[in-house]
All heavy atoms as atom14 arrays in JSON, in Angstrom:
{
  "sequence": "KKIAQQEDEIKKAQKKYDNLVSDGKSLENKRQKVEKDITDNQNAQ",
  "atom14_mask": [
    [1, 1, 1, 1, 1, 1, 1, 1, 1, 0, 0, 0, 0, 0],
    [1, 1, 1, 1, 1, 1, 1, 1, 1, 0, 0, 0, 0, 0],
    [1, 1, 1, 1, 1, 1, 1, 1, 0, 0, 0, 0, 0, 0],
    [1, 1, 1, 1, 1, 0, 0, 0, 0, 0, 0, 0, 0, 0],
    [1, 1, 1, 1, 1, 1, 1, 1, 1, 0, 0, 0, 0, 0],
    [1, 1, 1, 1, 1, 1, 1, 1, 1, 0, 0, 0, 0, 0],
    [1, 1, 1, 1, 1, 1, 1, 1, 1, 0, 0, 0, 0, 0],
    [1, 1, 1, 1, 1, 1, 1, 1, 0, 0, 0, 0, 0, 0],
    [1, 1, 1, 1, 1, 1, 1, 1, 1, 0, 0, 0, 0, 0],
    [1, 1, 1, 1, 1, 1, 1, 1, 0, 0, 0, 0, 0, 0],
    [1, 1, 1, 1, 1, 1, 1, 1, 1, 0, 0, 0, 0, 0],
    [1, 1, 1, 1, 1, 1, 1, 1, 1, 0, 0, 0, 0, 0],
    [1, 1, 1, 1, 1, 0, 0, 0, 0, 0, 0, 0, 0, 0],
    [1, 1, 1, 1, 1, 1, 1, 1, 1, 0, 0, 0, 0, 0],
    [1, 1, 1, 1, 1, 1, 1, 1, 1, 0, 0, 0, 0, 0],
    [1, 1, 1, 1, 1, 1, 1, 1, 1, 0, 0, 0, 0, 0],
    [1, 1, 1, 1, 1, 1, 1, 1, 1, 1, 1, 1, 0, 0],
    [1, 1, 1, 1, 1, 1, 1, 1, 0, 0, 0, 0, 0, 0],
    [1, 1, 1, 1, 1, 1, 1, 1, 0, 0, 0, 0, 0, 0],
    [1, 1, 1, 1, 1, 1, 1, 1, 0, 0, 0, 0, 0, 0],
    [1, 1, 1, 1, 1, 1, 1, 0, 0, 0, 0, 0, 0, 0],
    [1, 1, 1, 1, 1, 1, 0, 0, 0, 0, 0, 0, 0, 0],
    [1, 1, 1, 1, 1, 1, 1, 1, 0, 0, 0, 0, 0, 0],
    [1, 1, 1, 1, 0, 0, 0, 0, 0, 0, 0, 0, 0, 0],
    [1, 1, 1, 1, 1, 1, 1, 1, 1, 0, 0, 0, 0, 0],
    [1, 1, 1, 1, 1, 1, 0, 0, 0, 0, 0, 0, 0, 0],
    [1, 1, 1, 1, 1, 1, 1, 1, 0, 0, 0, 0, 0, 0],
    [1, 1, 1, 1, 1, 1, 1, 1, 1, 0, 0, 0, 0, 0],
    [1, 1, 1, 1, 1, 1, 1, 1, 0, 0, 0, 0, 0, 0],
    [1, 1, 1, 1, 1, 1, 1, 1, 1, 0, 0, 0, 0, 0],
    [1, 1, 1, 1, 1, 1, 1, 1, 1, 1, 1, 0, 0, 0],
    [1, 1, 1, 1, 1, 1, 1, 1, 1, 0, 0, 0, 0, 0],
    [1, 1, 1, 1, 1, 1, 1, 1, 1, 0, 0, 0, 0, 0],
    [1, 1, 1, 1, 1, 1, 1, 0, 0, 0, 0, 0, 0, 0],
    [1, 1, 1, 1, 1, 1, 1, 1, 1, 0, 0, 0, 0, 0],
    [1, 1, 1, 1, 1, 1, 1, 1, 1, 0, 0, 0, 0, 0],
    [1, 1, 1, 1, 1, 1, 1, 1, 0, 0, 0, 0, 0, 0],
    [1, 1, 1, 1, 1, 1, 1, 1, 0, 0, 0, 0, 0, 0],
    [1, 1, 1, 1, 1, 1, 1, 0, 0, 0, 0, 0, 0, 0],
    [1, 1, 1, 1, 1, 1, 1, 1, 0, 0, 0, 0, 0, 0],
    [1, 1, 1, 1, 1, 1, 1, 1, 0, 0, 0, 0, 0, 0],
    [1, 1, 1, 1, 1, 1, 1, 1, 1, 0, 0, 0, 0, 0],
    [1, 1, 1, 1, 1, 1, 1, 1, 0, 0, 0, 0, 0, 0],
    [1, 1, 1, 1, 1, 0, 0, 0, 0, 0, 0, 0, 0, 0],
    [1, 1, 1, 1, 1, 1, 1, 1, 1, 0, 0, 0, 0, 0]
  ],
  "atom14_positions": [
    [[-42.33, -31.88, -22.39], [-42.26, -32.99, -21.45], [-40.81, -33.42, -21.23], [-40.39, -33.64, -20.08], [-43.08, -34.17, -21.97], [-43.07, -35.38, -21.05], [-43.86, -36.54, -21.64], [-43.77, -37.77, -20.74], [-44.51, -38.92, -21.32], [0.0, 0.0, 0.0], [0.0, 0.0, 0.0], [0.0, 0.0, 0.0], [0.0, 0.0, 0.0], [0.0, 0.0, 0.0]],
    [[-40.05, -33.51, -22.32], [-38.65, -33.9, -22.21], [-37.85, -32.84, -21.45], [-36.97, -33.16, -20.65], [-38.06, -34.12, -23.6], [-38.57, -35.36, -24.3], [-37.98, -35.52, -25.69], [-38.51, -36.78, -26.35], [-37.99, -36.95, -27.73], [0.0, 0.0, 0.0], [0.0, 0.0, 0.0], [0.0, 0.0, 0.0], [0.0, 0.0, 0.0], [0.0, 0.0, 0.0]],
    [[-38.17, -31.56, -21.71], [-37.5, -30.47, -21.0], [-37.8, -30.56, -19.51], [-36.91, -30.44, -18.67], [-37.94, -29.1, -21.55], [-37.37, -28.9, -22.96], [-37.47, -27.97, -20.63], [-37.86, -27.64, -23.64], [0.0, 0.0, 0.0], [0.0, 0.0, 0.0], [0.0, 0.0, 0.0], [0.0, 0.0, 0.0], [0.0, 0.0, 0.0], [0.0, 0.0, 0.0]],
    [[-39.09, -30.78, -19.19], [-39.5, -30.89, -17.79], [-38.82, -32.08, -17.11], [-38.37, -32.0, -15.96], [-41.02, -31.03, -17.69], [0.0, 0.0, 0.0], [0.0, 0.0, 0.0], [0.0, 0.0, 0.0], [0.0, 0.0, 0.0], [0.0, 0.0, 0.0], [0.0, 0.0, 0.0], [0.0, 0.0, 0.0], [0.0, 0.0, 0.0], [0.0, 0.0, 0.0]],
    [[-38.74, -33.21, -17.85], [-38.09, -34.4, -17.29], [-36.61, -34.14, -17.05], [-36.05, -34.54, -16.03], [-38.27, -35.58, -18.24], [-39.69, -36.12, -18.29], [-39.87, -37.22, -19.33], [-39.11, -37.32, -20.29], [-40.88, -38.05, -19.14], [0.0, 0.0, 0.0], [0.0, 0.0, 0.0], [0.0, 0.0, 0.0], [0.0, 0.0, 0.0], [0.0, 0.0, 0.0]],
    [[-35.97, -33.44, -18.03], [-34.55, -33.14, -17.88], [-34.31, -32.17, -16.73], [-33.35, -32.32, -15.96], [-34.0, -32.54, -19.19], [-32.48, -32.46, -19.24], [-31.82, -33.83, -19.16], [-32.39, -34.83, -19.58], [-30.61, -33.87, -18.63], [0.0, 0.0, 0.0], [0.0, 0.0, 0.0], [0.0, 0.0, 0.0], [0.0, 0.0, 0.0], [0.0, 0.0, 0.0]],
    [[-35.21, -31.18, -16.61], [-35.09, -30.23, -15.5], [-35.29, -30.95, -14.17], [-34.6, -30.62, -13.18], [-36.13, -29.11, -15.65], [-35.83, -28.15, -16.79], [-36.9, -27.11, -16.98], [-38.04, -27.33, -16.48], [-36.64, -26.07, -17.61], [0.0, 0.0, 0.0], [0.0, 0.0, 0.0], [0.0, 0.0, 0.0], [0.0, 0.0, 0.0], [0.0, 0.0, 0.0]],
    [[-36.19, -31.92, -14.16], [-36.42, -32.71, -12.95], [-35.19, -33.53, -12.61], [-34.82, -33.64, -11.43], [-37.63, -33.63, -13.15], [-38.04, -34.34, -11.88], [-38.27, -33.65, -10.87], [-38.12, -35.59, -11.88], [0.0, 0.0, 0.0], [0.0, 0.0, 0.0], [0.0, 0.0, 0.0], [0.0, 0.0, 0.0], [0.0, 0.0, 0.0], [0.0, 0.0, 0.0]],
    [[-34.55, -34.1, -13.63], [-33.32, -34.86, -13.41], [-32.22, -33.97, -12.85], [-31.45, -34.37, -11.96], [-32.85, -35.52, -14.71], [-33.72, -36.66, -15.19], [-33.76, -37.82, -14.2], [-32.7, -38.15, -13.63], [-34.85, -38.38, -13.98], [0.0, 0.0, 0.0], [0.0, 0.0, 0.0], [0.0, 0.0, 0.0], [0.0, 0.0, 0.0], [0.0, 0.0, 0.0]],
    [[-32.14, -32.74, -13.39], [-31.14, -31.78, -12.9], [-31.42, -31.42, -11.44], [-30.5, -31.33, -10.62], [-31.12, -30.52, -13.78], [-30.58, -30.86, -15.18], [-30.27, -29.42, -13.15], [-30.67, -29.72, -16.16], [0.0, 0.0, 0.0], [0.0, 0.0, 0.0], [0.0, 0.0, 0.0], [0.0, 0.0, 0.0], [0.0, 0.0, 0.0], [0.0, 0.0, 0.0]],
    [[-32.72, -31.2, -11.12], [-33.09, -30.88, -9.75], [-32.71, -32.01, -8.81], [-32.2, -31.77, -7.7], [-34.59, -30.61, -9.66], [-35.02, -29.29, -10.28], [-36.52, -29.1, -10.16], [-36.97, -27.79, -10.79], [-38.44, -27.61, -10.72], [0.0, 0.0, 0.0], [0.0, 0.0, 0.0], [0.0, 0.0, 0.0], [0.0, 0.0, 0.0], [0.0, 0.0, 0.0]],
    [[-32.96, -33.26, -9.25], [-32.61, -34.41, -8.42], [-31.1, -34.49, -8.23], [-30.61, -34.76, -7.13], [-33.12, -35.69, -9.07], [-34.64, -35.85, -9.04], [-35.06, -37.14, -9.72], [-36.58, -37.3, -9.72], [-37.0, -38.54, -10.41], [0.0, 0.0, 0.0], [0.0, 0.0, 0.0], [0.0, 0.0, 0.0], [0.0, 0.0, 0.0], [0.0, 0.0, 0.0]],
    [[-30.36, -34.27, -9.34], [-28.9, -34.32, -9.27], [-28.37, -33.2, -8.38], [-27.42, -33.4, -7.6], [-28.3, -34.21, -10.68], [0.0, 0.0, 0.0], [0.0, 0.0, 0.0], [0.0, 0.0, 0.0], [0.0, 0.0, 0.0], [0.0, 0.0, 0.0], [0.0, 0.0, 0.0], [0.0, 0.0, 0.0], [0.0, 0.0, 0.0], [0.0, 0.0, 0.0]],
    [[-28.98, -31.99, -8.51], [-28.56, -30.86, -7.7], [-28.83, -31.12, -6.22], [-28.01, -30.8, -5.35], [-29.29, -29.59, -8.16], [-28.86, -28.33, -7.42], [-27.43, -27.95, -7.72], [-27.03, -27.91, -8.87], [-26.66, -27.66, -6.68], [0.0, 0.0, 0.0], [0.0, 0.0, 0.0], [0.0, 0.0, 0.0], [0.0, 0.0, 0.0], [0.0, 0.0, 0.0]],
    [[-30.02, -31.72, -5.94], [-30.37, -32.04, -4.56], [-29.39, -33.05, -3.98], [-28.96, -32.91, -2.82], [-31.79, -32.59, -4.5], [-32.27, -32.87, -3.09], [-33.71, -33.37, -3.08], [-34.18, -33.64, -1.64], [-35.59, -34.11, -1.61], [0.0, 0.0, 0.0], [0.0, 0.0, 0.0], [0.0, 0.0, 0.0], [0.0, 0.0, 0.0], [0.0, 0.0, 0.0]],
    [[-29.03, -34.05, -4.79], [-28.07, -35.05, -4.32], [-26.72, -34.4, -4.06], [-26.04, -34.71, -3.06], [-27.93, -36.16, -5.36], [-27.03, -37.3, -4.92], [-27.02, -38.42, -5.95], [-26.14, -39.57, -5.49], [-26.13, -40.69, -6.47], [0.0, 0.0, 0.0], [0.0, 0.0, 0.0], [0.0, 0.0, 0.0], [0.0, 0.0, 0.0], [0.0, 0.0, 0.0]],
    [[-26.32, -33.49, -4.98], [-25.05, -32.78, -4.81], [-25.08, -31.93, -3.54], [-24.12, -31.93, -2.76], [-24.77, -31.9, -6.03], [-23.57, -31.0, -5.86], [-22.27, -31.5, -6.02], [-23.74, -29.66, -5.52], [-21.18, -30.67, -5.86], [-22.64, -28.83, -5.36], [-21.36, -29.33, -5.53], [-20.27, -28.51, -5.36], [0.0, 0.0, 0.0], [0.0, 0.0, 0.0]],
    [[-26.19, -31.19, -3.34], [-26.31, -30.35, -2.16], [-26.25, -31.19, -0.88], [-25.65, -30.76, 0.12], [-27.63, -29.57, -2.2], [-27.64, -28.52, -3.3], [-26.55, -28.16, -3.8], [-28.76, -28.08, -3.68], [0.0, 0.0, 0.0], [0.0, 0.0, 0.0], [0.0, 0.0, 0.0], [0.0, 0.0, 0.0], [0.0, 0.0, 0.0], [0.0, 0.0, 0.0]],
    [[-26.87, -32.37, -0.91], [-26.82, -33.26, 0.25], [-25.4, -33.74, 0.5], [-24.96, -33.85, 1.66], [-27.75, -34.46, 0.03], [-29.21, -34.09, 0.11], [-29.57, -33.08, 0.72], [-30.07, -34.89, -0.49], [0.0, 0.0, 0.0], [0.0, 0.0, 0.0], [0.0, 0.0, 0.0], [0.0, 0.0, 0.0], [0.0, 0.0, 0.0], [0.0, 0.0, 0.0]],
    [[-24.69, -34.03, -0.6], [-23.29, -34.46, -0.45], [-22.43, -33.34, 0.12], [-21.55, -33.58, 0.96], [-22.74, -34.91, -1.81], [-23.29, -36.24, -2.35], [-22.84, -36.46, -3.79], [-22.85, -37.41, -1.47], [0.0, 0.0, 0.0], [0.0, 0.0, 0.0], [0.0, 0.0, 0.0], [0.0, 0.0, 0.0], [0.0, 0.0, 0.0], [0.0, 0.0, 0.0]],
    [[-22.67, -32.11, -0.36], [-21.92, -30.95, 0.16], [-22.22, -30.77, 1.64], [-21.31, -30.53, 2.45], [-22.3, -29.67, -0.62], [-21.72, -28.44, 0.08], [-21.78, -29.74, -2.04], [0.0, 0.0, 0.0], [0.0, 0.0, 0.0], [0.0, 0.0, 0.0], [0.0, 0.0, 0.0], [0.0, 0.0, 0.0], [0.0, 0.0, 0.0], [0.0, 0.0, 0.0]],
    [[-23.52, -30.9, 2.0], [-23.91, -30.78, 3.4], [-23.26, -31.86, 4.25], [-22.74, -31.6, 5.35], [-25.44, -30.85, 3.52], [-25.84, -30.78, 4.88], [0.0, 0.0, 0.0], [0.0, 0.0, 0.0], [0.0, 0.0, 0.0], [0.0, 0.0, 0.0], [0.0, 0.0, 0.0], [0.0, 0.0, 0.0], [0.0, 0.0, 0.0], [0.0, 0.0, 0.0]],
    [[-23.28, -33.1, 3.72], [-22.62, -34.21, 4.43], [-21.13, -33.97, 4.55], [-20.51, -34.27, 5.59], [-22.87, -35.53, 3.7], [-24.33, -35.98, 3.79], [-25.05, -35.45, 4.64], [-24.73, -36.84, 2.99], [0.0, 0.0, 0.0], [0.0, 0.0, 0.0], [0.0, 0.0, 0.0], [0.0, 0.0, 0.0], [0.0, 0.0, 0.0], [0.0, 0.0, 0.0]],
    [[-20.56, -33.41, 3.48], [-19.13, -33.12, 3.49], [-18.78, -32.11, 4.57], [-17.77, -32.27, 5.27], [0.0, 0.0, 0.0], [0.0, 0.0, 0.0], [0.0, 0.0, 0.0], [0.0, 0.0, 0.0], [0.0, 0.0, 0.0], [0.0, 0.0, 0.0], [0.0, 0.0, 0.0], [0.0, 0.0, 0.0], [0.0, 0.0, 0.0], [0.0, 0.0, 0.0]],
    [[-19.61, -31.07, 4.69], [-19.37, -30.06, 5.72], [-19.5, -30.68, 7.11], [-18.72, -30.37, 8.02], [-20.36, -28.91, 5.57], [-20.12, -28.05, 4.34], [-21.14, -26.92, 4.26], [-20.88, -26.04, 3.05], [-21.89, -24.95, 2.94], [0.0, 0.0, 0.0], [0.0, 0.0, 0.0], [0.0, 0.0, 0.0], [0.0, 0.0, 0.0], [0.0, 0.0, 0.0]],
    [[-20.5, -31.54, 7.26], [-20.7, -32.2, 8.55], [-19.51, -33.09, 8.88], [-19.02, -33.11, 10.01], [-21.98, -33.04, 8.49], [-22.19, -33.73, 9.71], [0.0, 0.0, 0.0], [0.0, 0.0, 0.0], [0.0, 0.0, 0.0], [0.0, 0.0, 0.0], [0.0, 0.0, 0.0], [0.0, 0.0, 0.0], [0.0, 0.0, 0.0], [0.0, 0.0, 0.0]],
    [[-19.04, -33.84, 7.87], [-17.87, -34.7, 8.08], [-16.62, -33.88, 8.38], [-15.79, -34.27, 9.21], [-17.65, -35.57, 6.84], [-18.69, -36.67, 6.59], [-18.48, -37.3, 5.23], [-18.64, -37.72, 7.69], [0.0, 0.0, 0.0], [0.0, 0.0, 0.0], [0.0, 0.0, 0.0], [0.0, 0.0, 0.0], [0.0, 0.0, 0.0], [0.0, 0.0, 0.0]],
    [[-16.5, -32.73, 7.7], [-15.35, -31.85, 7.93], [-15.36, -31.33, 9.36], [-14.34, -31.28, 10.04], [-15.36, -30.69, 6.93], [-14.26, -29.68, 7.13], [-12.86, -30.24, 6.98], [-12.71, -31.29, 6.32], [-11.91, -29.63, 7.52], [0.0, 0.0, 0.0], [0.0, 0.0, 0.0], [0.0, 0.0, 0.0], [0.0, 0.0, 0.0], [0.0, 0.0, 0.0]],
    [[-16.57, -30.94, 9.83], [-16.69, -30.48, 11.21], [-16.34, -31.59, 12.19], [-15.66, -31.35, 13.21], [-18.12, -29.98, 11.47], [-18.44, -28.71, 10.73], [-17.54, -27.92, 10.39], [-19.72, -28.48, 10.46], [0.0, 0.0, 0.0], [0.0, 0.0, 0.0], [0.0, 0.0, 0.0], [0.0, 0.0, 0.0], [0.0, 0.0, 0.0], [0.0, 0.0, 0.0]],
    [[-16.79, -32.81, 11.86], [-16.46, -33.95, 12.71], [-14.97, -34.22, 12.69], [-14.37, -34.54, 13.73], [-17.23, -35.19, 12.24], [-18.72, -35.13, 12.5], [-19.42, -36.39, 12.01], [-20.92, -36.33, 12.26], [-21.62, -37.54, 11.77], [0.0, 0.0, 0.0], [0.0, 0.0, 0.0], [0.0, 0.0, 0.0], [0.0, 0.0, 0.0], [0.0, 0.0, 0.0]],
    [[-14.35, -34.09, 11.49], [-12.9, -34.32, 11.38], [-12.14, -33.31, 12.23], [-11.19, -33.67, 12.96], [-12.47, -34.21, 9.92], [-10.99, -34.52, 9.68], [-10.59, -34.26, 8.25], [-10.64, -32.84, 7.95], [-9.67, -31.97, 8.28], [-8.6, -32.39, 8.95], [-9.79, -30.69, 7.97], [0.0, 0.0, 0.0], [0.0, 0.0, 0.0], [0.0, 0.0, 0.0]],
    [[-12.55, -32.05, 12.13], [-11.88, -31.01, 12.9], [-12.05, -31.25, 14.39], [-11.11, -31.04, 15.18], [-12.43, -29.63, 12.52], [-12.07, -29.21, 11.09], [-12.65, -27.85, 10.74], [-13.3, -27.2, 11.55], [-12.43, -27.43, 9.5], [0.0, 0.0, 0.0], [0.0, 0.0, 0.0], [0.0, 0.0, 0.0], [0.0, 0.0, 0.0], [0.0, 0.0, 0.0]],
    [[-13.26, -31.7, 14.77], [-13.5, -31.99, 16.18], [-12.65, -33.17, 16.65], [-12.07, -33.14, 17.75], [-14.98, -32.3, 16.4], [-15.35, -32.53, 17.86], [-16.82, -32.8, 18.03], [-17.2, -32.93, 19.5], [-16.43, -33.97, 20.21], [0.0, 0.0, 0.0], [0.0, 0.0, 0.0], [0.0, 0.0, 0.0], [0.0, 0.0, 0.0], [0.0, 0.0, 0.0]],
    [[-12.56, -34.21, 15.79], [-11.74, -35.37, 16.14], [-10.28, -34.96, 16.27], [-9.58, -35.37, 17.22], [-11.9, -36.49, 15.09], [-10.86, -37.58, 15.3], [-13.3, -37.08, 15.16], [0.0, 0.0, 0.0], [0.0, 0.0, 0.0], [0.0, 0.0, 0.0], [0.0, 0.0, 0.0], [0.0, 0.0, 0.0], [0.0, 0.0, 0.0], [0.0, 0.0, 0.0]],
    [[-9.79, -34.14, 15.32], [-8.41, -33.68, 15.38], [-8.16, -32.86, 16.64], [-7.11, -32.99, 17.3], [-8.08, -32.85, 14.14], [-7.98, -33.68, 12.86], [-7.62, -32.84, 11.66], [-7.67, -31.59, 11.77], [-7.3, -33.42, 10.6], [0.0, 0.0, 0.0], [0.0, 0.0, 0.0], [0.0, 0.0, 0.0], [0.0, 0.0, 0.0], [0.0, 0.0, 0.0]],
    [[-9.14, -32.02, 17.01], [-9.01, -31.23, 18.24], [-9.02, -32.14, 19.45], [-8.23, -31.95, 20.41], [-10.14, -30.22, 18.34], [-10.07, -29.31, 19.56], [-11.21, -28.32, 19.55], [-11.13, -27.4, 20.78], [-11.19, -28.13, 22.05], [0.0, 0.0, 0.0], [0.0, 0.0, 0.0], [0.0, 0.0, 0.0], [0.0, 0.0, 0.0], [0.0, 0.0, 0.0]],
    [[-9.92, -33.16, 19.42], [-9.97, -34.11, 20.53], [-8.66, -34.87, 20.65], [-8.19, -35.14, 21.78], [-11.13, -35.09, 20.33], [-12.49, -34.44, 20.52], [-12.53, -33.32, 21.08], [-13.5, -35.03, 20.07], [0.0, 0.0, 0.0], [0.0, 0.0, 0.0], [0.0, 0.0, 0.0], [0.0, 0.0, 0.0], [0.0, 0.0, 0.0], [0.0, 0.0, 0.0]],
    [[-8.08, -35.22, 19.52], [-6.78, -35.93, 19.54], [-5.7, -35.03, 20.13], [-4.89, -35.47, 20.98], [-6.39, -36.38, 18.12], [-7.33, -37.49, 17.64], [-4.95, -36.86, 18.08], [-7.12, -37.9, 16.2], [0.0, 0.0, 0.0], [0.0, 0.0, 0.0], [0.0, 0.0, 0.0], [0.0, 0.0, 0.0], [0.0, 0.0, 0.0], [0.0, 0.0, 0.0]],
    [[-5.67, -33.77, 19.71], [-4.68, -32.82, 20.22], [-4.87, -32.6, 21.72], [-3.9, -32.6, 22.5], [-4.8, -31.48, 19.48], [-4.55, -31.69, 18.09], [-3.79, -30.48, 20.02], [0.0, 0.0, 0.0], [0.0, 0.0, 0.0], [0.0, 0.0, 0.0], [0.0, 0.0, 0.0], [0.0, 0.0, 0.0], [0.0, 0.0, 0.0], [0.0, 0.0, 0.0]],
    [[-6.15, -32.42, 22.11], [-6.43, -32.23, 23.54], [-6.02, -33.46, 24.33], [-5.49, -33.35, 25.46], [-7.92, -31.95, 23.76], [-8.35, -30.6, 23.21], [-7.45, -29.76, 22.95], [-9.57, -30.39, 23.04], [0.0, 0.0, 0.0], [0.0, 0.0, 0.0], [0.0, 0.0, 0.0], [0.0, 0.0, 0.0], [0.0, 0.0, 0.0], [0.0, 0.0, 0.0]],
    [[-6.26, -34.64, 23.77], [-5.89, -35.88, 24.44], [-4.38, -36.0, 24.58], [-3.87, -36.41, 25.65], [-6.45, -37.07, 23.66], [-6.11, -38.39, 24.3], [-5.1, -39.01, 23.98], [-6.96, -38.82, 25.23], [0.0, 0.0, 0.0], [0.0, 0.0, 0.0], [0.0, 0.0, 0.0], [0.0, 0.0, 0.0], [0.0, 0.0, 0.0], [0.0, 0.0, 0.0]],
    [[-3.66, -35.64, 23.52], [-2.2, -35.69, 23.58], [-1.65, -34.72, 24.61], [-0.71, -35.05, 25.37], [-1.62, -35.38, 22.19], [-1.89, -36.48, 21.16], [-1.44, -36.09, 19.77], [-1.26, -34.9, 19.48], [-1.28, -37.09, 18.92], [0.0, 0.0, 0.0], [0.0, 0.0, 0.0], [0.0, 0.0, 0.0], [0.0, 0.0, 0.0], [0.0, 0.0, 0.0]],
    [[-2.25, -33.52, 24.68], [-1.83, -32.54, 25.69], [-2.13, -33.03, 27.1], [-1.32, -32.86, 28.03], [-2.52, -31.19, 25.45], [-2.05, -30.53, 24.16], [-0.92, -30.78, 23.7], [-2.89, -29.68, 23.59], [0.0, 0.0, 0.0], [0.0, 0.0, 0.0], [0.0, 0.0, 0.0], [0.0, 0.0, 0.0], [0.0, 0.0, 0.0], [0.0, 0.0, 0.0]],
    [[-3.3, -33.66, 27.23], [-3.69, -34.19, 28.54], [-2.75, -35.31, 28.95], [-2.38, -35.44, 30.14], [-5.13, -34.68, 28.5], [0.0, 0.0, 0.0], [0.0, 0.0, 0.0], [0.0, 0.0, 0.0], [0.0, 0.0, 0.0], [0.0, 0.0, 0.0], [0.0, 0.0, 0.0], [0.0, 0.0, 0.0], [0.0, 0.0, 0.0], [0.0, 0.0, 0.0]],
    [[-2.34, -36.16, 27.98], [-1.4, -37.24, 28.27], [-0.06, -36.67, 28.75], [0.53, -37.17, 29.72], [-1.17, -38.09, 27.01], [-2.34, -38.97, 26.61], [-2.03, -39.79, 25.37], [-0.91, -40.33, 25.26], [-3.0, -39.86, 24.47], [0.0, 0.0, 0.0], [0.0, 0.0, 0.0], [0.0, 0.0, 0.0], [0.0, 0.0, 0.0], [0.0, 0.0, 0.0]]
  ]
}
């Protein structure tokens, strides 16, 4: 039971980590898009 509970805790922690990694990738894509938009805006100016 303790092993199963610990494995469940690890699964929850892993899921949270995976979600953070996914969010991080999404934020990175948004950052790159914002930086590109800024560069395009500066060129347009």
